[in-house]
């Protein structure tokens, strides 16, 4: 009985080592794909480059109304659009 137990224990340990090795291989492959994807997609920016921003929609300088009311209305989907300065 002791011999059978040692054989099963050795087989179990071997499978556990194989499982850990395969997990390490999968982790390294995924890490390699991530590094490879990030490496090729980083754009180079010229030294004297300028950022061009093209905003769309209404420009509001300051929100009007009660802040608590706005905080409650927004998550409920009842947010109102108020225009600033009568535009």
Protein backbone atom coordinates (compact mmCIF):
# COMPACT_ATOMS: atom_id res chain seq x y z
CA UNK A 1 0.00 0.00 0.00
CA UNK A 2 2.86 2.34 0.77
CA UNK A 3 4.34 1.80 -2.70
CA UNK A 4 1.03 2.63 -4.39
CA UNK A 5 0.76 5.79 -2.31
CA UNK A 6 4.28 6.92 -3.31
CA UNK A 7 3.54 6.25 -7.01
CA UNK A 8 0.30 8.27 -6.89
CA UNK A 9 2.05 11.04 -4.94
CA UNK A 10 4.91 11.18 -7.48
CA UNK A 11 2.44 11.26 -10.36
CA UNK A 12 0.50 14.04 -8.65
CA UNK A 13 3.66 16.09 -8.07
CA UNK A 14 4.68 15.62 -11.71
CA UNK A 15 1.32 16.86 -12.93
CA UNK A 16 1.52 19.82 -10.58
CA UNK A 17 4.96 20.78 -11.91
CA UNK A 18 3.67 20.43 -15.48
CA UNK A 19 0.68 22.66 -14.63
CA UNK A 20 2.92 25.36 -13.17
CA UNK A 21 5.25 25.21 -16.17
CA UNK A 22 2.37 25.56 -18.66
CA UNK A 23 0.95 28.50 -16.71
CA UNK A 24 4.34 30.20 -16.89
CA UNK A 25 4.58 29.60 -20.63
CA UNK A 26 1.07 31.00 -21.23
CA UNK A 27 1.87 34.04 -19.06
CA UNK A 28 5.08 34.72 -20.97
CA UNK A 29 3.31 34.40 -24.34
CA UNK A 30 0.57 36.84 -23.29
CA UNK A 31 3.17 39.24 -21.91
CA UNK A 32 5.09 39.00 -25.19
CA UNK A 33 1.97 39.85 -27.20
CA UNK A 34 1.23 42.85 -24.99
CA UNK A 35 4.80 44.17 -25.23
CA UNK A 36 4.83 43.59 -28.99
CA UNK A 37 1.52 45.40 -29.46
CA UNK A 38 2.62 48.38 -27.39
CA UNK A 39 6.03 48.59 -28.97
CA UNK A 40 4.77 49.18 -32.51
CA UNK A 41 1.92 51.57 -31.73
CA UNK A 42 3.76 54.41 -30.00
CA UNK A 43 3.78 57.43 -32.32
CA UNK A 44 6.71 59.79 -32.47
CA UNK A 45 5.97 63.47 -31.91
CA UNK A 46 8.18 66.12 -33.50
CA UNK A 47 10.05 68.40 -31.12
CA UNK A 48 8.17 71.58 -32.10
CA UNK A 49 4.71 70.05 -32.49
CA UNK A 50 1.48 71.80 -31.47
CA UNK A 51 -1.74 70.23 -30.24
CA UNK A 52 -4.83 71.27 -32.22
CA UNK A 53 -8.13 70.99 -30.34
CA UNK A 54 -11.42 71.37 -32.22
CA UNK A 55 -14.21 71.54 -29.62
CA UNK A 56 -17.81 70.93 -30.68
CA UNK A 57 -21.07 71.91 -29.06
CA UNK A 58 -21.94 74.59 -26.54
CA UNK A 59 -19.19 76.06 -24.40
CA UNK A 60 -20.42 76.60 -20.85
CA UNK A 61 -18.29 78.76 -18.60
CA UNK A 62 -20.07 77.89 -15.38
CA UNK A 63 -22.79 75.43 -14.49
CA UNK A 64 -25.95 76.96 -13.14
CA UNK A 65 -28.37 75.61 -10.56
CA UNK A 66 -27.96 73.56 -7.42
CA UNK A 67 -25.00 71.18 -7.46
CA UNK A 68 -26.88 68.51 -5.48
CA UNK A 69 -29.80 68.62 -7.89
CA UNK A 70 -27.46 68.23 -10.88
CA UNK A 71 -25.72 65.31 -9.16
CA UNK A 72 -29.04 63.54 -8.61
CA UNK A 73 -30.46 64.23 -12.07
CA UNK A 74 -27.41 63.12 -14.06
CA UNK A 75 -27.29 59.43 -12.97
CA UNK A 76 -31.08 59.22 -13.24
CA UNK A 77 -30.86 60.21 -16.92
CA UNK A 78 -32.79 63.45 -16.44
CA UNK A 79 -29.92 65.86 -16.90
CA UNK A 80 -30.96 69.15 -18.42
CA UNK A 81 -28.87 71.14 -20.82
CA UNK A 82 -28.75 74.77 -19.82
CA UNK A 83 -27.11 77.36 -21.97
CA UNK A 84 -24.90 80.03 -20.53
CA UNK A 85 -25.34 83.72 -21.05
CA UNK A 86 -28.54 83.48 -23.15
CA UNK A 87 -26.80 82.20 -26.30
